[in-house]
Amino acid sequence: MTHRRTSLSIPTLAALVFLAATPALAQKSIAPEKAPVSPLQMAAKKLDDKTYVKVTYSSPRIQDPKTGEKRVVFGKLVPYGEVWRLGANAATELTTTGDLEVSGKKLAAGTYAVFAIPQADKWTLIFNKDLGEWGAYKYNKDQDALRVDVPAKKSADTYEAFTIAFDDKGTALNLSWENTQVSVPVKPAKKG
């Protein structure tokens, strides 16, 4: 039995290579979505075996996204004495799996919209039962679960992005933006 060798001509080989490469040529490149102006952020901490706390918020910047200019945040962009959504876009939300003690007052386990009324020297933090609010436009005081006053202080550092973070020990929730910092004492509520 003899075997015949089949050889492919150059044009046939070129056609096969072209056909194999065609699917790759047909693929298109999809660019990622443009980064949002105030990206969604999260701060989370397990405070004890039964208490996990998560804060979801949108993080605006000092720099105006339209003009690129630096803005004066507190007292201007965020007016003193008015209810603020504590970030940008949808109101900030805090979820806790266990009862908390926030600045010495009890907050039951659950999920809350968090608002603030900033002043130069103190902020009133508001934990509200209405969820899914865009901004503070429909804020309803009758749905408040808790209000606490916490001191505001000036920082030597400037925070370009509004930032919410737990301290390393998990004993405070720190709010920082521009040259203002607010530290909110948090801990699992005592049983009983």
N, C-alpha and C. Protein backbone atom coordinates (compact mmCIF):
# COMPACT_ATOMS: atom_id res chain seq x y z
N MET A 1 0.83 -1.16 0.00
CA MET A 1 0.00 0.00 0.00
C MET A 1 0.89 1.24 0.00
N THR A 2 0.60 2.11 -0.88
CA THR A 2 1.37 3.32 -0.97
C THR A 2 0.53 4.51 -0.49
N HIS A 3 1.20 5.39 0.16
CA HIS A 3 0.54 6.61 0.66
C HIS A 3 0.88 7.76 -0.25
N ARG A 4 -0.16 8.48 -0.56
CA ARG A 4 0.07 9.66 -1.36
C ARG A 4 0.18 10.87 -0.46
N ARG A 5 1.15 11.63 -0.67
CA ARG A 5 1.33 12.86 0.09
C ARG A 5 0.54 13.97 -0.55
N THR A 6 -0.22 14.65 0.28
CA THR A 6 -0.98 15.78 -0.25
C THR A 6 -0.27 17.04 0.19
N SER A 7 -0.01 17.89 -0.74
CA SER A 7 0.60 19.16 -0.38
C SER A 7 -0.38 20.26 -0.73
N LEU A 8 -0.40 21.27 0.13
CA LEU A 8 -1.29 22.39 -0.08
C LEU A 8 -0.54 23.51 -0.77
N SER A 9 -1.23 24.12 -1.71
CA SER A 9 -0.60 25.22 -2.43
C SER A 9 -0.56 26.45 -1.53
N ILE A 10 0.26 27.38 -1.87
CA ILE A 10 0.39 28.63 -1.12
C ILE A 10 -0.95 29.36 -1.06
N PRO A 11 -1.68 29.51 -2.15
CA PRO A 11 -2.97 30.20 -2.07
C PRO A 11 -3.96 29.48 -1.15
N THR A 12 -3.95 28.15 -1.14
CA THR A 12 -4.86 27.40 -0.27
C THR A 12 -4.47 27.61 1.19
N LEU A 13 -3.19 27.58 1.49
CA LEU A 13 -2.72 27.83 2.85
C LEU A 13 -3.10 29.24 3.31
N ALA A 14 -2.94 30.22 2.46
CA ALA A 14 -3.28 31.60 2.79
C ALA A 14 -4.76 31.72 3.08
N ALA A 15 -5.60 31.04 2.30
CA ALA A 15 -7.05 31.08 2.52
C ALA A 15 -7.40 30.45 3.86
N LEU A 16 -6.77 29.33 4.22
CA LEU A 16 -7.04 28.67 5.51
C LEU A 16 -6.63 29.56 6.68
N VAL A 17 -5.48 30.20 6.58
CA VAL A 17 -5.02 31.11 7.63
C VAL A 17 -5.98 32.28 7.77
N PHE A 18 -6.45 32.83 6.66
CA PHE A 18 -7.39 33.95 6.69
C PHE A 18 -8.71 33.53 7.35
N LEU A 19 -9.21 32.35 7.00
CA LEU A 19 -10.47 31.87 7.59
C LEU A 19 -10.33 31.64 9.09
N ALA A 20 -9.20 31.14 9.50
CA ALA A 20 -8.97 30.91 10.94
C ALA A 20 -8.87 32.22 11.70
N ALA A 21 -8.34 33.26 11.06
CA ALA A 21 -8.15 34.55 11.73
C ALA A 21 -9.41 35.42 11.69
N THR A 22 -10.34 35.12 10.81
CA THR A 22 -11.53 35.97 10.65
C THR A 22 -12.31 36.18 11.94
N PRO A 23 -12.61 35.16 12.77
CA PRO A 23 -13.34 35.43 14.02
C PRO A 23 -12.61 36.42 14.92
N ALA A 24 -11.28 36.34 14.97
CA ALA A 24 -10.52 37.28 15.80
C ALA A 24 -10.64 38.69 15.25
N LEU A 25 -10.65 38.81 13.93
CA LEU A 25 -10.77 40.12 13.32
C LEU A 25 -12.17 40.70 13.53
N ALA A 26 -13.17 39.84 13.67
CA ALA A 26 -14.55 40.30 13.82
C ALA A 26 -14.84 40.78 15.24
N GLN A 27 -14.00 40.43 16.20
CA GLN A 27 -14.24 40.86 17.57
C GLN A 27 -14.02 42.36 17.70
N LYS A 28 -14.83 42.99 18.54
CA LYS A 28 -14.64 44.42 18.75
C LYS A 28 -14.20 44.66 20.18
N SER A 29 -13.53 45.74 20.36
CA SER A 29 -13.06 46.12 21.69
C SER A 29 -14.12 46.97 22.36
N ILE A 30 -14.49 46.61 23.57
CA ILE A 30 -15.50 47.36 24.33
C ILE A 30 -14.81 48.11 25.46
N ALA A 31 -14.88 49.40 25.37
CA ALA A 31 -14.23 50.25 26.38
C ALA A 31 -15.00 50.17 27.70
N PRO A 32 -14.31 50.27 28.83
CA PRO A 32 -15.02 50.26 30.12
C PRO A 32 -15.87 51.51 30.26
N GLU A 33 -16.90 51.39 31.11
CA GLU A 33 -17.73 52.56 31.38
C GLU A 33 -16.87 53.65 32.00
N LYS A 34 -17.25 54.87 31.72
CA LYS A 34 -16.54 56.01 32.31
C LYS A 34 -16.74 55.95 33.82
N ALA A 35 -15.70 56.19 34.56
CA ALA A 35 -15.79 56.16 36.03
C ALA A 35 -16.83 57.19 36.48
N PRO A 36 -17.70 56.79 37.43
CA PRO A 36 -18.70 57.73 37.90
C PRO A 36 -18.06 58.91 38.62
N VAL A 37 -18.76 60.04 38.57
CA VAL A 37 -18.26 61.26 39.20
C VAL A 37 -18.10 61.06 40.71
N SER A 38 -19.07 60.43 41.34
CA SER A 38 -19.03 60.15 42.78
C SER A 38 -19.18 58.64 42.97
N PRO A 39 -18.06 57.90 42.89
CA PRO A 39 -18.16 56.44 42.89
C PRO A 39 -18.74 55.88 44.19
N LEU A 40 -19.39 54.72 44.04
CA LEU A 40 -19.97 54.02 45.19
C LEU A 40 -18.84 53.42 46.02
N GLN A 41 -18.90 53.61 47.31
CA GLN A 41 -17.87 53.11 48.23
C GLN A 41 -18.54 52.36 49.38
N MET A 42 -17.73 51.61 50.13
CA MET A 42 -18.25 50.87 51.27
C MET A 42 -17.23 50.83 52.39
N ALA A 43 -17.71 50.97 53.61
CA ALA A 43 -16.89 50.75 54.81
C ALA A 43 -17.57 49.64 55.59
N ALA A 44 -16.81 48.67 56.05
CA ALA A 44 -17.41 47.55 56.78
C ALA A 44 -16.47 47.10 57.90
N LYS A 45 -17.07 46.61 58.98
CA LYS A 45 -16.27 46.16 60.12
C LYS A 45 -17.09 45.16 60.94
N LYS A 46 -16.45 44.09 61.35
CA LYS A 46 -17.06 43.15 62.29
C LYS A 46 -16.65 43.60 63.68
N LEU A 47 -17.64 44.07 64.46
CA LEU A 47 -17.33 44.63 65.78
C LEU A 47 -17.25 43.56 66.86
N ASP A 48 -18.04 42.50 66.72
CA ASP A 48 -17.94 41.33 67.61
C ASP A 48 -18.57 40.15 66.87
N ASP A 49 -18.75 39.02 67.56
CA ASP A 49 -19.26 37.81 66.89
C ASP A 49 -20.64 37.99 66.28
N LYS A 50 -21.45 38.91 66.79
CA LYS A 50 -22.82 39.07 66.30
C LYS A 50 -23.07 40.40 65.61
N THR A 51 -22.09 41.27 65.59
CA THR A 51 -22.32 42.62 65.07
C THR A 51 -21.38 42.96 63.93
N TYR A 52 -21.94 42.94 62.74
CA TYR A 52 -21.24 43.33 61.51
C TYR A 52 -21.91 44.60 61.02
N VAL A 53 -21.12 45.63 60.73
CA VAL A 53 -21.67 46.92 60.29
C VAL A 53 -21.10 47.25 58.91
N LYS A 54 -22.00 47.67 58.02
CA LYS A 54 -21.60 48.03 56.66
C LYS A 54 -22.24 49.38 56.31
N VAL A 55 -21.44 50.29 55.76
CA VAL A 55 -21.93 51.59 55.33
C VAL A 55 -21.65 51.71 53.83
N THR A 56 -22.71 52.01 53.05
CA THR A 56 -22.60 52.17 51.61
C THR A 56 -22.91 53.62 51.28
N TYR A 57 -22.01 54.25 50.50
CA TYR A 57 -22.17 55.67 50.21
C TYR A 57 -21.53 56.02 48.87
N SER A 58 -21.92 57.16 48.32
CA SER A 58 -21.26 57.68 47.12
C SER A 58 -20.29 58.77 47.55
N SER A 59 -19.10 58.75 46.98
CA SER A 59 -18.00 59.59 47.43
C SER A 59 -17.73 60.77 46.48
N PRO A 60 -18.32 61.95 46.76
CA PRO A 60 -18.03 63.11 45.93
C PRO A 60 -16.62 63.63 46.17
N ARG A 61 -16.16 64.51 45.29
CA ARG A 61 -14.82 65.09 45.37
C ARG A 61 -14.90 66.60 45.59
N ILE A 62 -13.82 67.17 46.08
CA ILE A 62 -13.75 68.63 46.22
C ILE A 62 -13.77 69.26 44.83
N GLN A 63 -13.01 68.67 43.91
CA GLN A 63 -12.89 69.23 42.56
C GLN A 63 -14.22 69.09 41.83
N ASP A 64 -14.70 70.17 41.26
CA ASP A 64 -15.94 70.18 40.49
C ASP A 64 -15.77 69.30 39.26
N PRO A 65 -16.63 68.27 39.08
CA PRO A 65 -16.45 67.37 37.95
C PRO A 65 -16.68 68.05 36.59
N LYS A 66 -17.39 69.16 36.58
CA LYS A 66 -17.67 69.84 35.31
C LYS A 66 -16.59 70.85 34.94
N THR A 67 -16.11 71.60 35.92
CA THR A 67 -15.15 72.66 35.63
C THR A 67 -13.72 72.32 36.02
N GLY A 68 -13.56 71.36 36.92
CA GLY A 68 -12.23 71.01 37.41
C GLY A 68 -11.73 71.93 38.50
N GLU A 69 -12.53 72.92 38.87
CA GLU A 69 -12.12 73.87 39.90
C GLU A 69 -12.35 73.30 41.30
N LYS A 70 -11.51 73.76 42.24
CA LYS A 70 -11.69 73.38 43.65
C LYS A 70 -12.91 74.11 44.20
N ARG A 71 -13.72 73.38 44.97
CA ARG A 71 -14.92 73.97 45.56
C ARG A 71 -14.74 74.12 47.06
N VAL A 72 -15.44 75.07 47.64
CA VAL A 72 -15.54 75.16 49.10
C VAL A 72 -16.68 74.23 49.47
N VAL A 73 -16.40 73.21 50.27
CA VAL A 73 -17.41 72.19 50.55
C VAL A 73 -18.34 72.64 51.66
N PHE A 74 -17.84 72.67 52.91
CA PHE A 74 -18.73 72.91 54.05
C PHE A 74 -19.01 74.39 54.22
N GLY A 75 -20.29 74.70 54.32
CA GLY A 75 -20.73 76.08 54.41
C GLY A 75 -21.13 76.64 53.05
N LYS A 76 -20.76 75.93 51.96
CA LYS A 76 -21.13 76.42 50.63
C LYS A 76 -21.79 75.29 49.81
N LEU A 77 -20.98 74.34 49.30
CA LEU A 77 -21.53 73.21 48.55
C LEU A 77 -22.49 72.41 49.45
N VAL A 78 -22.06 72.16 50.66
CA VAL A 78 -22.90 71.52 51.68
C VAL A 78 -23.20 72.59 52.72
N PRO A 79 -24.39 73.21 52.65
CA PRO A 79 -24.71 74.32 53.56
C PRO A 79 -24.79 73.88 55.02
N TYR A 80 -24.35 74.75 55.90
CA TYR A 80 -24.51 74.50 57.33
C TYR A 80 -25.99 74.59 57.70
N GLY A 81 -26.39 73.74 58.65
CA GLY A 81 -27.74 73.81 59.19
C GLY A 81 -28.82 73.15 58.35
N GLU A 82 -28.45 72.47 57.25
CA GLU A 82 -29.44 71.81 56.40
C GLU A 82 -29.16 70.31 56.35
N VAL A 83 -30.22 69.52 56.15
CA VAL A 83 -30.08 68.06 56.06
C VAL A 83 -29.33 67.72 54.77
N TRP A 84 -28.29 66.90 54.93
CA TRP A 84 -27.44 66.47 53.82
C TRP A 84 -27.48 64.95 53.74
N ARG A 85 -27.41 64.40 52.55
CA ARG A 85 -27.48 62.96 52.31
C ARG A 85 -26.22 62.20 52.75
N LEU A 86 -25.24 62.90 53.28
CA LEU A 86 -23.98 62.32 53.74
C LEU A 86 -23.24 61.62 52.60
N GLY A 87 -22.97 62.38 51.56
CA GLY A 87 -22.30 61.87 50.37
C GLY A 87 -22.96 62.47 49.15
N ALA A 88 -23.03 61.68 48.09
CA ALA A 88 -23.67 62.13 46.84
C ALA A 88 -24.69 61.08 46.40
N ASN A 89 -25.47 61.44 45.40
CA ASN A 89 -26.43 60.52 44.79
C ASN A 89 -27.46 60.03 45.81
N ALA A 90 -27.64 58.71 45.90
CA ALA A 90 -28.60 58.16 46.87
C ALA A 90 -28.08 58.40 48.29
N ALA A 91 -29.01 58.49 49.22
CA ALA A 91 -28.62 58.68 50.62
C ALA A 91 -27.75 57.52 51.09
N THR A 92 -26.79 57.84 51.94
CA THR A 92 -25.93 56.82 52.53
C THR A 92 -26.78 55.84 53.33
N GLU A 93 -26.37 54.55 53.32
CA GLU A 93 -27.10 53.54 54.10
C GLU A 93 -26.14 52.79 55.02
N LEU A 94 -26.62 52.54 56.24
CA LEU A 94 -25.87 51.76 57.23
C LEU A 94 -26.71 50.54 57.57
N THR A 95 -26.05 49.37 57.54
CA THR A 95 -26.69 48.13 57.95
C THR A 95 -25.89 47.55 59.11
N THR A 96 -26.60 47.14 60.16
CA THR A 96 -25.94 46.49 61.29
C THR A 96 -26.71 45.21 61.65
N THR A 97 -25.96 44.14 61.88
CA THR A 97 -26.58 42.85 62.20
C THR A 97 -26.91 42.73 63.69
N GLY A 98 -26.36 43.62 64.50
CA GLY A 98 -26.64 43.62 65.94
C GLY A 98 -26.93 45.03 66.39
N ASP A 99 -27.55 45.15 67.55
CA ASP A 99 -27.84 46.48 68.10
C ASP A 99 -26.51 47.22 68.33
N LEU A 100 -26.51 48.51 68.04
CA LEU A 100 -25.32 49.33 68.22
C LEU A 100 -25.55 50.39 69.28
N GLU A 101 -24.45 50.84 69.83
CA GLU A 101 -24.45 52.04 70.65
C GLU A 101 -23.69 53.08 69.82
N VAL A 102 -24.42 54.13 69.40
CA VAL A 102 -23.84 55.17 68.56
C VAL A 102 -23.78 56.45 69.38
N SER A 103 -22.59 56.87 69.68
CA SER A 103 -22.39 58.08 70.50
C SER A 103 -23.22 58.00 71.79
N GLY A 104 -23.22 56.79 72.38
CA GLY A 104 -23.89 56.59 73.67
C GLY A 104 -25.37 56.28 73.60
N LYS A 105 -25.96 56.25 72.39
CA LYS A 105 -27.40 55.97 72.26
C LYS A 105 -27.61 54.69 71.46
N LYS A 106 -28.68 53.95 71.80
CA LYS A 106 -28.92 52.65 71.17
C LYS A 106 -29.60 52.79 69.81
N LEU A 107 -29.06 52.03 68.84
CA LEU A 107 -29.63 51.91 67.51
C LEU A 107 -29.88 50.42 67.26
N ALA A 108 -31.15 50.05 67.04
CA ALA A 108 -31.52 48.65 66.84
C ALA A 108 -30.92 48.10 65.55
N ALA A 109 -30.67 46.80 65.54
CA ALA A 109 -30.18 46.13 64.34
C ALA A 109 -31.11 46.43 63.18
N GLY A 110 -30.55 46.59 61.99
CA GLY A 110 -31.36 46.87 60.81
C GLY A 110 -30.59 47.71 59.80
N THR A 111 -31.32 48.24 58.82
CA THR A 111 -30.73 49.09 57.79
C THR A 111 -31.39 50.46 57.85
N TYR A 112 -30.56 51.50 57.75
CA TYR A 112 -31.03 52.88 57.89
C TYR A 112 -30.39 53.76 56.82
N ALA A 113 -31.15 54.76 56.37
CA ALA A 113 -30.56 55.85 55.59
C ALA A 113 -29.88 56.76 56.61
N VAL A 114 -28.71 57.26 56.26
CA VAL A 114 -27.97 58.13 57.19
C VAL A 114 -27.85 59.52 56.56
N PHE A 115 -28.30 60.50 57.32
CA PHE A 115 -28.22 61.90 56.91
C PHE A 115 -27.39 62.65 57.95
N ALA A 116 -27.01 63.86 57.64
CA ALA A 116 -26.28 64.70 58.60
C ALA A 116 -26.76 66.14 58.45
N ILE A 117 -26.68 66.86 59.55
CA ILE A 117 -26.87 68.31 59.54
C ILE A 117 -25.54 68.89 60.01
N PRO A 118 -24.67 69.28 59.06
CA PRO A 118 -23.36 69.79 59.44
C PRO A 118 -23.43 71.22 59.98
N GLN A 119 -22.59 71.48 60.96
CA GLN A 119 -22.31 72.82 61.47
C GLN A 119 -20.79 72.92 61.52
N ALA A 120 -20.26 74.09 61.74
CA ALA A 120 -18.80 74.26 61.77
C ALA A 120 -18.18 73.47 62.92
N ASP A 121 -18.86 73.39 64.06
CA ASP A 121 -18.28 72.76 65.25
C ASP A 121 -18.89 71.42 65.64
N LYS A 122 -20.05 71.07 65.07
CA LYS A 122 -20.67 69.78 65.38
C LYS A 122 -21.59 69.38 64.23
N TRP A 123 -21.83 68.07 64.14
CA TRP A 123 -22.78 67.54 63.18
C TRP A 123 -23.85 66.77 63.93
N THR A 124 -25.07 66.83 63.42
CA THR A 124 -26.13 65.96 63.90
C THR A 124 -26.26 64.84 62.89
N LEU A 125 -26.03 63.60 63.34
CA LEU A 125 -26.20 62.44 62.46
C LEU A 125 -27.59 61.87 62.68
N ILE A 126 -28.23 61.52 61.59
CA ILE A 126 -29.61 61.05 61.62
C ILE A 126 -29.67 59.66 60.99
N PHE A 127 -30.24 58.71 61.71
CA PHE A 127 -30.47 57.35 61.21
C PHE A 127 -31.96 57.24 60.97
N ASN A 128 -32.35 57.07 59.70
CA ASN A 128 -33.74 57.18 59.29
C ASN A 128 -34.22 55.87 58.67
N LYS A 129 -35.50 55.54 58.88
CA LYS A 129 -36.05 54.26 58.41
C LYS A 129 -36.43 54.25 56.93
N ASP A 130 -36.54 55.41 56.29
CA ASP A 130 -36.86 55.47 54.86
C ASP A 130 -35.62 55.11 54.04
N LEU A 131 -35.72 54.04 53.26
CA LEU A 131 -34.58 53.58 52.46
C LEU A 131 -34.79 53.89 50.99
N GLY A 132 -33.71 53.92 50.25
CA GLY A 132 -33.77 54.12 48.81
C GLY A 132 -34.04 55.56 48.40
N GLU A 133 -33.73 56.50 49.27
CA GLU A 133 -33.96 57.92 48.97
C GLU A 133 -32.84 58.46 48.08
N TRP A 134 -33.21 59.27 47.10
CA TRP A 134 -32.22 59.97 46.29
C TRP A 134 -31.97 61.31 46.96
N GLY A 135 -30.78 61.50 47.43
CA GLY A 135 -30.47 62.75 48.13
C GLY A 135 -31.25 62.85 49.43
N ALA A 136 -31.55 64.09 49.81
CA ALA A 136 -32.33 64.34 51.03
C ALA A 136 -33.63 65.08 50.68
N TYR A 137 -34.02 65.00 49.42
CA TYR A 137 -35.15 65.79 48.95
C TYR A 137 -36.47 65.38 49.60
N LYS A 138 -36.62 64.09 49.91
CA LYS A 138 -37.87 63.62 50.52
C LYS A 138 -37.63 63.16 51.96
N TYR A 139 -36.58 63.68 52.57
CA TYR A 139 -36.29 63.31 53.95
C TYR A 139 -37.51 63.57 54.84
N ASN A 140 -37.86 62.57 55.65
CA ASN A 140 -39.03 62.66 56.52
C ASN A 140 -38.58 62.47 57.98
N LYS A 141 -38.61 63.55 58.73
CA LYS A 141 -38.16 63.52 60.13
C LYS A 141 -38.94 62.50 60.97
N ASP A 142 -40.20 62.26 60.59
CA ASP A 142 -41.04 61.30 61.34
C ASP A 142 -40.50 59.88 61.27
N GLN A 143 -39.61 59.60 60.31
CA GLN A 143 -39.04 58.26 60.16
C GLN A 143 -37.68 58.12 60.85
N ASP A 144 -37.26 59.14 61.59
CA ASP A 144 -35.98 59.06 62.30
C ASP A 144 -36.02 57.98 63.36
N ALA A 145 -35.00 57.13 63.37
CA ALA A 145 -34.85 56.12 64.43
C ALA A 145 -33.92 56.65 65.52
N LEU A 146 -32.97 57.51 65.15
CA LEU A 146 -32.00 58.03 66.10
C LEU A 146 -31.33 59.28 65.55
N ARG A 147 -31.06 60.23 66.46
CA ARG A 147 -30.25 61.42 66.15
C ARG A 147 -29.18 61.54 67.21
N VAL A 148 -27.96 61.80 66.79
CA VAL A 148 -26.86 62.03 67.74
C VAL A 148 -26.06 63.23 67.28
N ASP A 149 -25.55 64.00 68.23
CA ASP A 149 -24.66 65.12 67.94
C ASP A 149 -23.23 64.68 68.19
N VAL A 150 -22.35 64.99 67.25
CA VAL A 150 -20.94 64.65 67.39
C VAL A 150 -20.10 65.87 67.01
N PRO A 151 -18.97 66.06 67.70
CA PRO A 151 -18.13 67.22 67.38
C PRO A 151 -17.47 67.10 66.01
N ALA A 152 -17.30 68.23 65.36
CA ALA A 152 -16.55 68.30 64.10
C ALA A 152 -15.25 69.03 64.39
N LYS A 153 -14.16 68.57 63.78
CA LYS A 153 -12.88 69.23 64.00
C LYS A 153 -12.19 69.46 62.67
N LYS A 154 -11.29 70.40 62.67
CA LYS A 154 -10.49 70.69 61.47
C LYS A 154 -9.31 69.73 61.43
N SER A 155 -8.95 69.32 60.23
CA SER A 155 -7.84 68.41 60.02
C SER A 155 -6.69 69.15 59.35
N ALA A 156 -5.48 68.77 59.68
CA ALA A 156 -4.31 69.34 59.01
C ALA A 156 -4.24 68.84 57.57
N ASP A 157 -4.82 67.65 57.33
CA ASP A 157 -4.84 67.06 55.99
C ASP A 157 -6.09 67.50 55.23
N THR A 158 -6.00 67.48 53.92
CA THR A 158 -7.16 67.77 53.07
C THR A 158 -7.58 66.47 52.40
N TYR A 159 -8.85 66.10 52.56
CA TYR A 159 -9.40 64.90 51.95
C TYR A 159 -10.12 65.30 50.68
N GLU A 160 -9.56 64.98 49.51
CA GLU A 160 -10.19 65.30 48.23
C GLU A 160 -11.53 64.58 48.08
N ALA A 161 -11.56 63.33 48.48
CA ALA A 161 -12.79 62.53 48.37
C ALA A 161 -13.48 62.43 49.72
N PHE A 162 -14.80 62.53 49.72
CA PHE A 162 -15.56 62.27 50.94
C PHE A 162 -15.33 60.82 51.31
N THR A 163 -14.92 60.58 52.55
CA THR A 163 -14.52 59.24 52.97
C THR A 163 -15.19 58.86 54.30
N ILE A 164 -15.75 57.66 54.33
CA ILE A 164 -16.28 57.07 55.56
C ILE A 164 -15.45 55.83 55.84
N ALA A 165 -14.90 55.71 57.04
CA ALA A 165 -14.06 54.56 57.38
C ALA A 165 -14.11 54.28 58.87
N PHE A 166 -14.03 53.02 59.22
CA PHE A 166 -13.91 52.64 60.63
C PHE A 166 -12.47 52.81 61.05
N ASP A 167 -12.26 53.20 62.31
CA ASP A 167 -10.88 53.25 62.80
C ASP A 167 -10.40 51.81 62.99
N ASP A 168 -9.10 51.64 63.20
CA ASP A 168 -8.51 50.30 63.28
C ASP A 168 -9.12 49.45 64.38
N LYS A 169 -9.48 50.06 65.49
CA LYS A 169 -10.03 49.31 66.62
C LYS A 169 -11.52 49.01 66.45
N GLY A 170 -12.17 49.67 65.48
CA GLY A 170 -13.60 49.47 65.28
C GLY A 170 -14.43 50.16 66.35
N THR A 171 -13.89 51.21 66.96
CA THR A 171 -14.62 51.92 68.02
C THR A 171 -15.20 53.24 67.54
N ALA A 172 -14.89 53.62 66.28
CA ALA A 172 -15.40 54.88 65.74
C ALA A 172 -15.58 54.77 64.23
N LEU A 173 -16.57 55.48 63.75
CA LEU A 173 -16.81 55.62 62.33
C LEU A 173 -16.39 57.04 61.99
N ASN A 174 -15.37 57.17 61.14
CA ASN A 174 -14.81 58.49 60.83
C ASN A 174 -15.31 59.00 59.49
N LEU A 175 -15.77 60.25 59.48
CA LEU A 175 -16.25 60.92 58.28
C LEU A 175 -15.27 62.04 57.97
N SER A 176 -14.69 62.05 56.77
CA SER A 176 -13.67 63.03 56.43
C SER A 176 -13.91 63.58 55.04
N TRP A 177 -13.83 64.92 54.93
CA TRP A 177 -13.90 65.56 53.62
C TRP A 177 -13.37 66.98 53.75
N GLU A 178 -12.69 67.43 52.72
CA GLU A 178 -12.05 68.73 52.72
C GLU A 178 -11.10 68.75 53.91
N ASN A 179 -11.22 69.69 54.82
CA ASN A 179 -10.36 69.67 56.02
C ASN A 179 -11.20 69.50 57.28
N THR A 180 -12.32 68.77 57.14
CA THR A 180 -13.21 68.51 58.27
C THR A 180 -13.24 67.02 58.58
N GLN A 181 -13.21 66.68 59.87
CA GLN A 181 -13.33 65.29 60.31
C GLN A 181 -14.34 65.20 61.44
N VAL A 182 -15.14 64.14 61.37
CA VAL A 182 -16.12 63.84 62.42
C VAL A 182 -15.89 62.39 62.81
N SER A 183 -15.75 62.13 64.09
CA SER A 183 -15.53 60.78 64.59
C SER A 183 -16.73 60.38 65.43
N VAL A 184 -17.45 59.36 64.99
CA VAL A 184 -18.68 58.91 65.64
C VAL A 184 -18.38 57.64 66.45
N PRO A 185 -18.47 57.70 67.79
CA PRO A 185 -18.22 56.49 68.58
C PRO A 185 -19.29 55.41 68.28
N VAL A 186 -18.84 54.19 67.97
CA VAL A 186 -19.74 53.06 67.74
C VAL A 186 -19.22 51.84 68.46
N LYS A 187 -20.14 51.04 68.99
CA LYS A 187 -19.77 49.76 69.59
C LYS A 187 -21.02 48.93 69.71
N PRO A 188 -20.87 47.61 69.86
CA PRO A 188 -22.04 46.77 70.07
C PRO A 188 -22.77 47.21 71.34
N ALA A 189 -24.10 47.25 71.27
CA ALA A 189 -24.89 47.65 72.45
C ALA A 189 -24.80 46.57 73.51
N LYS A 190 -24.82 47.01 74.77
CA LYS A 190 -24.82 46.05 75.88
C LYS A 190 -26.14 45.32 75.91
N LYS A 191 -26.09 44.04 76.20
CA LYS A 191 -27.31 43.23 76.26
C LYS A 191 -28.07 43.56 77.53
N GLY A 192 -29.40 43.59 77.37
CA GLY A 192 -30.23 43.77 78.57
C GLY A 192 -30.84 45.08 78.75
